[in-house]
């Protein structure tokens, strides 16, 4: 199976598409029995099941308004919609 940057970004976005599965302040956490991830944690989870793709984090950093994945995800003013939009920009740039 060939894995592309776009494939990983789409899979990671899908993990946090439901706001109940997105968190701040940690890569991964169980909340009410659900697996929850920050943006970077979602990428890590996808890498557990796929070959490493080195273009993923640079694509997300380029799509992040502050050039960072974790600090953007965790910023007080960043919303779930903002993080999904970051993924969308990165996915679009890979198309």
Protein backbone atom coordinates (compact mmCIF):
# COMPACT_ATOMS: atom_id res chain seq x y z
CA UNK A 1 0.00 0.00 0.00
CA UNK A 2 1.40 3.35 -1.00
CA UNK A 3 0.89 6.04 1.59
CA UNK A 4 1.05 9.69 0.60
CA UNK A 5 1.16 12.83 2.68
CA UNK A 6 -2.40 13.52 1.56
CA UNK A 7 -3.56 10.04 2.68
CA UNK A 8 -2.14 10.56 6.16
CA UNK A 9 -3.60 14.05 6.48
CA UNK A 10 -7.05 12.81 5.45
CA UNK A 11 -6.89 9.90 7.90
CA UNK A 12 -5.66 12.12 10.76
CA UNK A 13 -8.36 14.72 10.08
CA UNK A 14 -10.98 11.96 10.15
CA UNK A 15 -9.87 10.97 13.67
CA UNK A 16 -10.73 14.43 15.00
CA UNK A 17 -13.57 15.36 12.63
CA UNK A 18 -16.00 14.89 15.51
CA UNK A 19 -15.22 17.62 18.04
CA UNK A 20 -15.71 15.12 20.87
CA UNK A 21 -12.52 13.36 19.66
CA UNK A 22 -10.35 16.50 19.63
CA UNK A 23 -8.38 17.78 22.62
CA UNK A 24 -5.91 20.43 23.65
CA UNK A 25 -2.94 20.03 25.96
CA UNK A 26 -2.04 16.41 25.18
CA UNK A 27 -1.41 14.27 22.12
CA UNK A 28 -3.78 11.56 23.32
CA UNK A 29 -6.27 11.12 26.12
CA UNK A 30 -9.19 8.82 26.87
CA UNK A 31 -12.27 10.91 27.60
CA UNK A 32 -15.46 9.14 28.61
CA UNK A 33 -14.14 5.96 27.01
CA UNK A 34 -13.32 7.66 23.69
CA UNK A 35 -9.89 8.08 22.14
CA UNK A 36 -9.21 11.80 21.78
CA UNK A 37 -6.33 13.45 19.95
CA UNK A 38 -4.83 16.84 19.29
CA UNK A 39 -3.80 17.59 15.69
CA UNK A 40 -0.31 16.15 16.16
CA UNK A 41 -1.62 13.20 18.17
CA UNK A 42 -3.98 12.32 15.33
CA UNK A 43 -1.01 12.24 12.95
CA UNK A 44 0.89 10.00 15.39
CA UNK A 45 -2.08 7.63 15.61
CA UNK A 46 -2.25 7.32 11.83
CA UNK A 47 1.49 6.59 11.70
CA UNK A 48 0.92 3.62 14.02
CA UNK A 49 -0.93 1.89 11.17
CA UNK A 50 0.88 3.23 8.10
CA UNK A 51 4.43 3.75 6.93
CA UNK A 52 6.05 7.03 8.01
CA UNK A 53 5.50 9.85 5.52
CA UNK A 54 7.97 12.70 6.12
CA UNK A 55 5.92 15.36 4.31
CA UNK A 56 3.00 15.35 6.75
CA UNK A 57 4.28 17.64 9.49
CA UNK A 58 5.84 20.16 7.07
CA UNK A 59 2.49 20.31 5.23
CA UNK A 60 0.61 20.96 8.47
CA UNK A 61 3.13 23.55 9.65
CA UNK A 62 2.80 25.36 6.31
CA UNK A 63 -1.01 25.34 6.72
CA UNK A 64 -0.89 26.58 10.33
CA UNK A 65 -1.31 30.33 10.82
CA UNK A 66 1.59 30.41 13.30
CA UNK A 67 3.74 27.82 11.52
CA UNK A 68 3.40 25.35 14.41
CA UNK A 69 1.10 22.37 14.89
CA UNK A 70 0.97 21.84 18.65
CA UNK A 71 1.03 25.48 19.76
CA UNK A 72 -1.67 26.35 17.22
CA UNK A 73 -3.85 23.42 18.32
CA UNK A 74 -3.40 24.32 22.00
CA UNK A 75 -3.81 28.10 21.75
CA UNK A 76 -6.75 29.38 23.79
CA UNK A 77 -8.26 31.11 20.77
CA UNK A 78 -7.95 28.12 18.42
CA UNK A 79 -11.22 26.29 17.84
CA UNK A 80 -11.97 22.81 16.55
CA UNK A 81 -13.08 24.40 13.27
CA UNK A 82 -9.72 26.21 13.04
CA UNK A 83 -7.82 22.92 13.39
CA UNK A 84 -9.97 21.21 10.77
CA UNK A 85 -9.40 24.17 8.46
CA UNK A 86 -5.64 23.76 8.98
CA UNK A 87 -5.95 20.13 7.89
CA UNK A 88 -8.11 21.18 4.93
CA UNK A 89 -5.49 23.71 3.77
CA UNK A 90 -2.74 21.11 4.07
CA UNK A 91 -4.80 18.52 2.18
CA UNK A 92 -5.63 21.02 -0.55
CA UNK A 93 -1.96 21.94 -0.91
CA UNK A 94 -1.16 18.25 -1.50
CA UNK A 95 -3.77 17.83 -4.24
